[in-house]
Amino acid sequence: EDTSICLGNSLTLGAAANSTNGGVTFSWSPTVNLDNPQAARPILTPTSAPANVTYTVTIVSPNCPTKLSTINVIVNPLPVIDAGLNVTINEGETTTLQGSGGDIYWWTPNTNIMYAGTSSPDVEPVYTTTYYVNSLDANGCYGWDTVVVTVIASNEVVIYNSFSPNGDDQNELWYMG
């Protein structure tokens, strides 16, 4: 049986039914990164990746023949996520952020941002803002990074690009009062 884990996470080995009742003993090998190699269900906490390790458990029961079972554990590295270079804009301007290193992205804070679920959202912050990009890679491993968009304040009245009469039912009307 194969299973995978991301570096930094833990995995419980062994079947849910494993028990030391009735004098049954367990011996796992290799013992590296196991919290208790004599436990029925030890916890594996990998310390390096990538890795591909086959763990073998020897189960000894006073009433049954000795049994061997194996599980292959693939340890995936964490993605190296890059939110891009810090940028400076004038108040009222839009800039496109450039995330990389993952497959699925989400950016926060999610105010004044378009396409927050992509690697390259457009942002129009009103003031200097730190944006966080969170991402999952193809293995489901998580990483994150930050980028700062510095906003140079203007003494002029700025009308933000929020009016878009394009039929998408968002920002269709503009009221001045």
N, C-alpha and C. Protein backbone atom coordinates (compact mmCIF):
# COMPACT_ATOMS: atom_id res chain seq x y z
N GLU A 1 0.85 -1.18 0.00
CA GLU A 1 0.00 0.00 0.00
C GLU A 1 0.89 1.23 0.00
N ASP A 2 0.50 2.24 -0.78
CA ASP A 2 1.22 3.51 -0.84
C ASP A 2 0.37 4.62 -0.26
N THR A 3 1.04 5.57 0.36
CA THR A 3 0.37 6.78 0.82
C THR A 3 1.38 7.91 0.74
N SER A 4 0.89 9.13 0.76
CA SER A 4 1.81 10.27 0.69
C SER A 4 1.48 11.27 1.78
N ILE A 5 2.48 12.09 2.09
CA ILE A 5 2.37 13.09 3.14
C ILE A 5 3.22 14.28 2.74
N CYS A 6 2.84 15.45 3.21
CA CYS A 6 3.64 16.64 2.96
C CYS A 6 4.60 16.85 4.13
N LEU A 7 5.80 17.30 3.83
CA LEU A 7 6.77 17.59 4.87
C LEU A 7 6.14 18.56 5.87
N GLY A 8 6.35 18.30 7.16
CA GLY A 8 5.76 19.14 8.20
C GLY A 8 4.48 18.57 8.77
N ASN A 9 3.89 17.58 8.11
CA ASN A 9 2.70 16.92 8.63
C ASN A 9 3.08 15.59 9.26
N SER A 10 2.14 15.00 9.97
CA SER A 10 2.34 13.69 10.59
C SER A 10 1.34 12.70 10.01
N LEU A 11 1.69 11.42 10.13
CA LEU A 11 0.85 10.35 9.60
C LEU A 11 0.86 9.19 10.59
N THR A 12 -0.33 8.68 10.92
CA THR A 12 -0.43 7.51 11.77
C THR A 12 -0.35 6.27 10.90
N LEU A 13 0.62 5.42 11.19
CA LEU A 13 0.78 4.16 10.45
C LEU A 13 -0.05 3.07 11.11
N GLY A 14 -0.34 2.03 10.36
CA GLY A 14 -1.06 0.88 10.90
C GLY A 14 -2.55 0.98 10.73
N ALA A 15 -3.18 -0.17 10.77
CA ALA A 15 -4.63 -0.24 10.61
C ALA A 15 -5.33 0.23 11.88
N ALA A 16 -6.52 0.79 11.69
CA ALA A 16 -7.30 1.28 12.83
C ALA A 16 -7.59 0.16 13.82
N ALA A 17 -7.64 -1.08 13.35
CA ALA A 17 -7.96 -2.22 14.22
C ALA A 17 -6.72 -2.74 14.98
N ASN A 18 -5.54 -2.23 14.67
CA ASN A 18 -4.34 -2.70 15.38
C ASN A 18 -4.49 -2.48 16.88
N SER A 19 -4.17 -3.52 17.64
CA SER A 19 -4.31 -3.46 19.09
C SER A 19 -3.29 -4.38 19.72
N THR A 20 -2.84 -4.00 20.90
CA THR A 20 -1.91 -4.85 21.66
C THR A 20 -2.65 -5.78 22.62
N ASN A 21 -3.97 -5.84 22.53
CA ASN A 21 -4.75 -6.75 23.38
C ASN A 21 -4.33 -8.19 23.12
N GLY A 22 -4.38 -9.00 24.13
CA GLY A 22 -4.10 -10.43 23.99
C GLY A 22 -2.62 -10.73 23.80
N GLY A 23 -1.75 -9.78 24.15
CA GLY A 23 -0.33 -10.03 24.05
C GLY A 23 0.26 -9.83 22.67
N VAL A 24 -0.49 -9.21 21.76
CA VAL A 24 0.02 -8.95 20.41
C VAL A 24 1.08 -7.85 20.51
N THR A 25 2.20 -8.05 19.81
CA THR A 25 3.25 -7.04 19.79
C THR A 25 3.50 -6.58 18.37
N PHE A 26 4.00 -5.36 18.25
CA PHE A 26 4.29 -4.74 16.96
C PHE A 26 5.71 -4.24 16.98
N SER A 27 6.38 -4.38 15.85
CA SER A 27 7.73 -3.86 15.70
C SER A 27 7.86 -3.28 14.30
N TRP A 28 8.04 -1.95 14.23
CA TRP A 28 8.13 -1.23 12.96
C TRP A 28 9.58 -0.96 12.60
N SER A 29 9.89 -1.06 11.31
CA SER A 29 11.21 -0.68 10.84
C SER A 29 11.10 -0.13 9.41
N PRO A 30 11.93 0.82 9.05
CA PRO A 30 12.93 1.45 9.91
C PRO A 30 12.25 2.29 10.99
N THR A 31 12.99 2.61 12.02
CA THR A 31 12.42 3.33 13.17
C THR A 31 12.53 4.85 13.04
N VAL A 32 13.26 5.30 12.02
CA VAL A 32 13.51 6.73 11.86
C VAL A 32 12.19 7.50 11.72
N ASN A 33 12.09 8.59 12.46
CA ASN A 33 10.95 9.52 12.45
C ASN A 33 9.66 8.93 13.02
N LEU A 34 9.73 7.77 13.68
CA LEU A 34 8.54 7.20 14.33
C LEU A 34 8.57 7.59 15.81
N ASP A 35 7.41 7.94 16.37
CA ASP A 35 7.38 8.31 17.78
C ASP A 35 7.56 7.11 18.69
N ASN A 36 7.08 5.93 18.27
CA ASN A 36 7.22 4.72 19.08
C ASN A 36 7.17 3.51 18.15
N PRO A 37 8.33 2.99 17.76
CA PRO A 37 8.35 1.87 16.80
C PRO A 37 7.75 0.57 17.33
N GLN A 38 7.41 0.52 18.62
CA GLN A 38 6.78 -0.67 19.19
C GLN A 38 5.27 -0.50 19.35
N ALA A 39 4.76 0.64 18.91
CA ALA A 39 3.33 0.91 19.04
C ALA A 39 2.54 0.20 17.94
N ALA A 40 1.28 -0.07 18.23
CA ALA A 40 0.40 -0.66 17.22
C ALA A 40 0.18 0.33 16.07
N ARG A 41 0.11 1.61 16.40
CA ARG A 41 -0.12 2.66 15.39
C ARG A 41 0.81 3.84 15.67
N PRO A 42 2.09 3.71 15.31
CA PRO A 42 3.03 4.81 15.57
C PRO A 42 2.75 6.02 14.68
N ILE A 43 3.22 7.16 15.14
CA ILE A 43 3.06 8.39 14.39
C ILE A 43 4.38 8.71 13.70
N LEU A 44 4.30 8.89 12.37
CA LEU A 44 5.45 9.23 11.55
C LEU A 44 5.46 10.74 11.35
N THR A 45 6.59 11.37 11.67
CA THR A 45 6.78 12.80 11.43
C THR A 45 8.07 12.98 10.65
N PRO A 46 7.98 13.02 9.32
CA PRO A 46 9.18 13.12 8.48
C PRO A 46 9.93 14.43 8.72
N THR A 47 11.24 14.38 8.57
CA THR A 47 12.08 15.57 8.76
C THR A 47 12.77 16.02 7.48
N SER A 48 12.59 15.27 6.40
CA SER A 48 13.19 15.69 5.13
C SER A 48 12.34 15.18 3.96
N ALA A 49 12.49 15.88 2.85
CA ALA A 49 11.77 15.50 1.63
C ALA A 49 12.59 15.96 0.44
N PRO A 50 12.44 15.39 -0.71
CA PRO A 50 11.54 14.26 -0.97
C PRO A 50 12.12 12.97 -0.40
N ALA A 51 11.23 12.05 -0.12
CA ALA A 51 11.64 10.75 0.40
C ALA A 51 10.59 9.72 0.00
N ASN A 52 11.05 8.50 -0.10
CA ASN A 52 10.18 7.37 -0.41
C ASN A 52 10.66 6.22 0.47
N VAL A 53 9.92 5.94 1.54
CA VAL A 53 10.36 4.97 2.54
C VAL A 53 9.31 3.88 2.69
N THR A 54 9.77 2.64 2.68
CA THR A 54 8.87 1.51 2.93
C THR A 54 9.03 1.09 4.40
N TYR A 55 7.93 1.18 5.13
CA TYR A 55 7.92 0.76 6.54
C TYR A 55 7.34 -0.65 6.61
N THR A 56 7.98 -1.49 7.40
CA THR A 56 7.53 -2.86 7.60
C THR A 56 7.17 -3.04 9.06
N VAL A 57 6.03 -3.65 9.30
CA VAL A 57 5.63 -3.97 10.67
C VAL A 57 5.63 -5.49 10.81
N THR A 58 6.22 -5.96 11.90
CA THR A 58 6.18 -7.38 12.27
C THR A 58 5.20 -7.51 13.42
N ILE A 59 4.18 -8.31 13.21
CA ILE A 59 3.13 -8.49 14.22
C ILE A 59 3.25 -9.90 14.77
N VAL A 60 3.46 -9.99 16.09
CA VAL A 60 3.60 -11.28 16.75
C VAL A 60 2.43 -11.45 17.70
N SER A 61 1.73 -12.58 17.54
CA SER A 61 0.59 -12.89 18.39
C SER A 61 0.83 -14.26 19.02
N PRO A 62 0.49 -14.42 20.31
CA PRO A 62 0.70 -15.72 20.95
C PRO A 62 -0.16 -16.83 20.33
N ASN A 63 -1.23 -16.46 19.61
CA ASN A 63 -2.16 -17.47 19.10
C ASN A 63 -2.13 -17.63 17.58
N CYS A 64 -1.32 -16.83 16.88
CA CYS A 64 -1.31 -16.85 15.41
C CYS A 64 0.13 -16.79 14.92
N PRO A 65 0.35 -17.18 13.67
CA PRO A 65 1.69 -17.05 13.11
C PRO A 65 2.09 -15.57 12.99
N THR A 66 3.38 -15.33 13.02
CA THR A 66 3.90 -13.98 12.83
C THR A 66 3.51 -13.47 11.45
N LYS A 67 3.14 -12.19 11.40
CA LYS A 67 2.70 -11.59 10.15
C LYS A 67 3.54 -10.35 9.86
N LEU A 68 3.89 -10.17 8.58
CA LEU A 68 4.59 -8.97 8.12
C LEU A 68 3.66 -8.19 7.21
N SER A 69 3.73 -6.86 7.32
CA SER A 69 2.95 -5.99 6.45
C SER A 69 3.79 -4.76 6.14
N THR A 70 3.61 -4.20 4.96
CA THR A 70 4.39 -3.02 4.58
C THR A 70 3.49 -1.89 4.11
N ILE A 71 4.03 -0.69 4.24
CA ILE A 71 3.39 0.51 3.69
C ILE A 71 4.49 1.40 3.14
N ASN A 72 4.30 1.86 1.92
CA ASN A 72 5.26 2.75 1.30
C ASN A 72 4.78 4.19 1.50
N VAL A 73 5.63 5.03 2.10
CA VAL A 73 5.27 6.42 2.39
C VAL A 73 6.13 7.34 1.52
N ILE A 74 5.45 8.15 0.73
CA ILE A 74 6.11 9.16 -0.09
C ILE A 74 5.99 10.49 0.65
N VAL A 75 7.15 11.11 0.93
CA VAL A 75 7.16 12.41 1.61
C VAL A 75 7.44 13.48 0.56
N ASN A 76 6.44 14.35 0.36
CA ASN A 76 6.56 15.41 -0.64
C ASN A 76 7.07 16.69 0.00
N PRO A 77 7.97 17.39 -0.71
CA PRO A 77 8.45 18.68 -0.18
C PRO A 77 7.35 19.73 -0.27
N LEU A 78 7.51 20.77 0.53
CA LEU A 78 6.56 21.88 0.46
C LEU A 78 6.89 22.74 -0.76
N PRO A 79 5.88 23.30 -1.40
CA PRO A 79 6.15 24.15 -2.55
C PRO A 79 6.84 25.44 -2.10
N VAL A 80 7.70 25.96 -2.95
CA VAL A 80 8.34 27.24 -2.69
C VAL A 80 7.50 28.30 -3.41
N ILE A 81 6.68 28.97 -2.64
CA ILE A 81 5.76 29.96 -3.19
C ILE A 81 6.43 31.33 -3.19
N ASP A 82 6.27 32.05 -4.28
CA ASP A 82 6.84 33.38 -4.41
C ASP A 82 5.73 34.34 -4.80
N ALA A 83 5.54 35.38 -3.99
CA ALA A 83 4.50 36.38 -4.26
C ALA A 83 4.99 37.49 -5.18
N GLY A 84 6.23 37.42 -5.60
CA GLY A 84 6.77 38.44 -6.49
C GLY A 84 7.43 39.56 -5.71
N LEU A 85 7.93 40.54 -6.45
CA LEU A 85 8.65 41.66 -5.87
C LEU A 85 7.68 42.69 -5.29
N ASN A 86 8.10 43.36 -4.21
CA ASN A 86 7.32 44.47 -3.68
C ASN A 86 7.20 45.53 -4.75
N VAL A 87 6.12 46.28 -4.72
CA VAL A 87 5.85 47.27 -5.77
C VAL A 87 5.31 48.55 -5.14
N THR A 88 5.59 49.67 -5.81
CA THR A 88 5.08 50.97 -5.38
C THR A 88 4.21 51.53 -6.50
N ILE A 89 3.00 52.01 -6.11
CA ILE A 89 2.08 52.60 -7.08
C ILE A 89 1.55 53.92 -6.52
N ASN A 90 1.00 54.72 -7.40
CA ASN A 90 0.32 55.95 -6.98
C ASN A 90 -1.12 55.60 -6.61
N GLU A 91 -1.67 56.37 -5.68
CA GLU A 91 -3.05 56.16 -5.27
C GLU A 91 -3.96 56.17 -6.49
N GLY A 92 -4.85 55.19 -6.59
CA GLY A 92 -5.78 55.08 -7.70
C GLY A 92 -5.30 54.19 -8.82
N GLU A 93 -4.04 53.77 -8.77
CA GLU A 93 -3.52 52.88 -9.81
C GLU A 93 -3.76 51.42 -9.45
N THR A 94 -3.73 50.60 -10.47
CA THR A 94 -3.87 49.15 -10.32
C THR A 94 -2.54 48.51 -10.68
N THR A 95 -2.21 47.44 -10.00
CA THR A 95 -1.02 46.67 -10.35
C THR A 95 -1.38 45.19 -10.35
N THR A 96 -0.64 44.42 -11.10
CA THR A 96 -0.86 42.98 -11.16
C THR A 96 0.22 42.28 -10.35
N LEU A 97 -0.20 41.48 -9.38
CA LEU A 97 0.75 40.71 -8.57
C LEU A 97 1.14 39.45 -9.35
N GLN A 98 2.29 38.89 -9.04
CA GLN A 98 2.80 37.74 -9.79
C GLN A 98 3.21 36.61 -8.84
N GLY A 99 2.28 35.73 -8.52
CA GLY A 99 2.59 34.58 -7.68
C GLY A 99 3.10 33.42 -8.52
N SER A 100 3.93 32.58 -7.91
CA SER A 100 4.42 31.40 -8.62
C SER A 100 4.79 30.31 -7.61
N GLY A 101 4.95 29.10 -8.13
CA GLY A 101 5.41 27.98 -7.31
C GLY A 101 4.34 26.99 -6.91
N GLY A 102 3.07 27.29 -7.19
CA GLY A 102 1.99 26.39 -6.81
C GLY A 102 1.06 26.12 -7.97
N ASP A 103 -0.05 25.46 -7.67
CA ASP A 103 -1.04 25.14 -8.69
C ASP A 103 -2.38 25.79 -8.42
N ILE A 104 -2.73 25.95 -7.15
CA ILE A 104 -3.98 26.59 -6.75
C ILE A 104 -3.61 27.76 -5.85
N TYR A 105 -4.18 28.94 -6.13
CA TYR A 105 -3.81 30.15 -5.40
C TYR A 105 -5.02 30.81 -4.77
N TRP A 106 -4.80 31.45 -3.62
CA TRP A 106 -5.78 32.37 -3.07
C TRP A 106 -5.01 33.45 -2.32
N TRP A 107 -5.45 34.69 -2.54
CA TRP A 107 -4.78 35.87 -2.01
C TRP A 107 -5.65 36.52 -0.95
N THR A 108 -5.01 37.10 0.06
CA THR A 108 -5.70 37.89 1.08
C THR A 108 -4.84 39.11 1.37
N PRO A 109 -5.42 40.22 1.83
CA PRO A 109 -6.86 40.41 2.04
C PRO A 109 -7.58 40.46 0.70
N ASN A 110 -8.86 40.16 0.75
CA ASN A 110 -9.60 40.08 -0.51
C ASN A 110 -10.41 41.34 -0.79
N THR A 111 -9.91 42.48 -0.33
CA THR A 111 -10.54 43.76 -0.68
C THR A 111 -9.72 44.43 -1.78
N ASN A 112 -10.41 45.10 -2.68
CA ASN A 112 -9.77 45.79 -3.80
C ASN A 112 -8.86 44.86 -4.60
N ILE A 113 -9.34 43.65 -4.83
CA ILE A 113 -8.56 42.66 -5.57
C ILE A 113 -9.49 41.96 -6.56
N MET A 114 -9.00 41.77 -7.75
CA MET A 114 -9.75 41.03 -8.77
C MET A 114 -8.94 39.79 -9.12
N TYR A 115 -9.62 38.69 -9.33
CA TYR A 115 -9.00 37.41 -9.70
C TYR A 115 -8.15 36.85 -8.56
N ALA A 116 -8.67 36.91 -7.33
CA ALA A 116 -7.93 36.47 -6.14
C ALA A 116 -7.62 34.99 -6.17
N GLY A 117 -8.31 34.22 -7.01
CA GLY A 117 -8.06 32.78 -7.11
C GLY A 117 -7.10 32.41 -8.21
N THR A 118 -6.30 33.37 -8.67
CA THR A 118 -5.33 33.11 -9.73
C THR A 118 -3.92 33.43 -9.23
N SER A 119 -2.93 33.09 -10.02
CA SER A 119 -1.55 33.43 -9.65
C SER A 119 -1.25 34.90 -9.86
N SER A 120 -2.06 35.59 -10.66
CA SER A 120 -1.77 36.99 -11.02
C SER A 120 -2.99 37.89 -10.86
N PRO A 121 -3.37 38.19 -9.63
CA PRO A 121 -4.54 39.06 -9.44
C PRO A 121 -4.19 40.53 -9.67
N ASP A 122 -5.20 41.31 -10.01
CA ASP A 122 -5.06 42.76 -10.10
C ASP A 122 -5.50 43.34 -8.76
N VAL A 123 -4.69 44.27 -8.23
CA VAL A 123 -5.03 44.90 -6.95
C VAL A 123 -5.00 46.41 -7.11
N GLU A 124 -5.87 47.07 -6.36
CA GLU A 124 -5.96 48.53 -6.36
C GLU A 124 -6.14 48.99 -4.91
N PRO A 125 -5.08 48.81 -4.11
CA PRO A 125 -5.22 49.17 -2.69
C PRO A 125 -5.33 50.68 -2.50
N VAL A 126 -6.06 51.07 -1.47
CA VAL A 126 -6.24 52.48 -1.14
C VAL A 126 -5.05 52.98 -0.33
N TYR A 127 -4.41 52.09 0.41
CA TYR A 127 -3.25 52.41 1.23
C TYR A 127 -2.27 51.24 1.15
N THR A 128 -1.07 51.45 1.64
CA THR A 128 -0.04 50.41 1.59
C THR A 128 -0.57 49.13 2.22
N THR A 129 -0.45 48.02 1.50
CA THR A 129 -1.06 46.75 1.91
C THR A 129 -0.08 45.60 1.71
N THR A 130 -0.05 44.72 2.68
CA THR A 130 0.69 43.46 2.54
C THR A 130 -0.29 42.40 2.07
N TYR A 131 0.01 41.81 0.92
CA TYR A 131 -0.83 40.74 0.38
C TYR A 131 -0.17 39.40 0.66
N TYR A 132 -0.98 38.43 1.04
CA TYR A 132 -0.53 37.07 1.31
C TYR A 132 -1.04 36.17 0.20
N VAL A 133 -0.13 35.40 -0.39
CA VAL A 133 -0.55 34.39 -1.36
C VAL A 133 -0.37 33.04 -0.70
N ASN A 134 -1.44 32.26 -0.72
CA ASN A 134 -1.44 30.89 -0.22
C ASN A 134 -1.60 29.99 -1.43
N SER A 135 -0.92 28.84 -1.41
CA SER A 135 -0.99 27.99 -2.58
C SER A 135 -0.84 26.52 -2.22
N LEU A 136 -1.49 25.69 -3.02
CA LEU A 136 -1.33 24.24 -2.95
C LEU A 136 -0.66 23.79 -4.23
N ASP A 137 0.21 22.78 -4.10
CA ASP A 137 0.80 22.22 -5.31
C ASP A 137 0.03 20.97 -5.73
N ALA A 138 0.52 20.30 -6.75
CA ALA A 138 -0.17 19.11 -7.29
C ALA A 138 -0.27 17.99 -6.28
N ASN A 139 0.60 17.98 -5.25
CA ASN A 139 0.56 16.94 -4.22
C ASN A 139 -0.33 17.33 -3.04
N GLY A 140 -0.93 18.53 -3.10
CA GLY A 140 -1.76 18.99 -2.00
C GLY A 140 -0.95 19.60 -0.87
N CYS A 141 0.32 19.91 -1.12
CA CYS A 141 1.17 20.52 -0.10
C CYS A 141 1.03 22.03 -0.17
N TYR A 142 1.13 22.66 0.99
CA TYR A 142 0.79 24.07 1.17
C TYR A 142 2.03 24.93 1.39
N GLY A 143 2.02 26.12 0.80
CA GLY A 143 3.05 27.12 1.05
C GLY A 143 2.46 28.50 0.91
N TRP A 144 3.21 29.51 1.33
CA TRP A 144 2.71 30.88 1.25
C TRP A 144 3.87 31.86 1.18
N ASP A 145 3.55 33.09 0.80
CA ASP A 145 4.53 34.17 0.75
C ASP A 145 3.77 35.49 0.83
N THR A 146 4.49 36.59 0.96
CA THR A 146 3.88 37.91 1.03
C THR A 146 4.53 38.87 0.04
N VAL A 147 3.79 39.90 -0.32
CA VAL A 147 4.29 41.00 -1.14
C VAL A 147 3.65 42.28 -0.61
N VAL A 148 4.42 43.36 -0.60
CA VAL A 148 3.92 44.64 -0.13
C VAL A 148 3.69 45.55 -1.33
N VAL A 149 2.48 46.11 -1.40
CA VAL A 149 2.17 47.14 -2.40
C VAL A 149 2.12 48.46 -1.65
N THR A 150 3.12 49.30 -1.89
CA THR A 150 3.19 50.61 -1.26
C THR A 150 2.41 51.59 -2.11
N VAL A 151 1.51 52.35 -1.45
CA VAL A 151 0.67 53.32 -2.16
C VAL A 151 1.13 54.73 -1.79
N ILE A 152 1.50 55.50 -2.80
CA ILE A 152 1.87 56.90 -2.60
C ILE A 152 0.59 57.72 -2.66
N ALA A 153 0.26 58.38 -1.55
CA ALA A 153 -0.98 59.14 -1.45
C ALA A 153 -0.97 60.32 -2.42
N SER A 154 -2.16 60.69 -2.87
CA SER A 154 -2.34 61.80 -3.80
C SER A 154 -3.11 62.91 -3.12
N ASN A 155 -2.82 64.15 -3.51
CA ASN A 155 -3.59 65.29 -3.01
C ASN A 155 -4.80 65.56 -3.87
N GLU A 156 -4.94 64.82 -4.95
CA GLU A 156 -6.05 65.00 -5.87
C GLU A 156 -7.20 64.06 -5.49
N VAL A 157 -8.39 64.40 -5.95
CA VAL A 157 -9.53 63.51 -5.76
C VAL A 157 -9.33 62.31 -6.69
N VAL A 158 -9.41 61.14 -6.12
CA VAL A 158 -9.20 59.92 -6.89
C VAL A 158 -10.52 59.19 -7.02
N ILE A 159 -10.91 58.88 -8.24
CA ILE A 159 -12.11 58.08 -8.47
C ILE A 159 -11.63 56.69 -8.86
N TYR A 160 -11.89 55.75 -7.98
CA TYR A 160 -11.38 54.39 -8.19
C TYR A 160 -12.14 53.69 -9.30
N ASN A 161 -11.50 52.78 -9.94
CA ASN A 161 -12.04 52.03 -11.07
C ASN A 161 -13.03 50.98 -10.55
N SER A 162 -14.20 51.46 -10.14
CA SER A 162 -15.18 50.53 -9.59
C SER A 162 -16.47 50.52 -10.40
N PHE A 163 -16.58 51.35 -11.41
CA PHE A 163 -17.77 51.42 -12.25
C PHE A 163 -17.48 50.66 -13.52
N SER A 164 -18.24 49.58 -13.73
CA SER A 164 -18.00 48.74 -14.92
C SER A 164 -19.33 48.30 -15.51
N PRO A 165 -19.97 49.17 -16.27
CA PRO A 165 -21.28 48.82 -16.84
C PRO A 165 -21.15 47.84 -18.02
N ASN A 166 -20.87 46.59 -17.66
CA ASN A 166 -20.62 45.59 -18.71
C ASN A 166 -21.61 44.43 -18.68
N GLY A 167 -22.68 44.56 -17.89
CA GLY A 167 -23.72 43.54 -17.89
C GLY A 167 -23.45 42.35 -17.00
N ASP A 168 -22.43 42.43 -16.10
CA ASP A 168 -22.14 41.28 -15.24
C ASP A 168 -22.81 41.40 -13.87
N ASP A 169 -23.68 42.38 -13.70
CA ASP A 169 -24.41 42.64 -12.46
C ASP A 169 -23.50 43.02 -11.29
N GLN A 170 -22.29 43.46 -11.58
CA GLN A 170 -21.39 43.95 -10.54
C GLN A 170 -20.94 45.34 -10.94
N ASN A 171 -21.11 46.31 -10.03
CA ASN A 171 -20.66 47.69 -10.26
C ASN A 171 -21.29 48.29 -11.52
N GLU A 172 -22.57 48.04 -11.72
CA GLU A 172 -23.27 48.52 -12.91
C GLU A 172 -23.70 49.98 -12.80
N LEU A 173 -23.93 50.45 -11.58
CA LEU A 173 -24.41 51.81 -11.38
C LEU A 173 -23.42 52.61 -10.55
N TRP A 174 -23.40 53.91 -10.80
CA TRP A 174 -22.51 54.79 -10.06
C TRP A 174 -23.33 55.95 -9.55
N TYR A 175 -23.40 56.10 -8.25
CA TYR A 175 -24.18 57.16 -7.64
C TYR A 175 -23.25 58.23 -7.10
N MET A 176 -23.58 59.47 -7.36
CA MET A 176 -22.85 60.59 -6.78
C MET A 176 -23.84 61.36 -5.92
N GLY A 177 -23.48 61.64 -4.70
CA GLY A 177 -24.43 62.32 -3.82
C GLY A 177 -23.85 63.52 -3.17
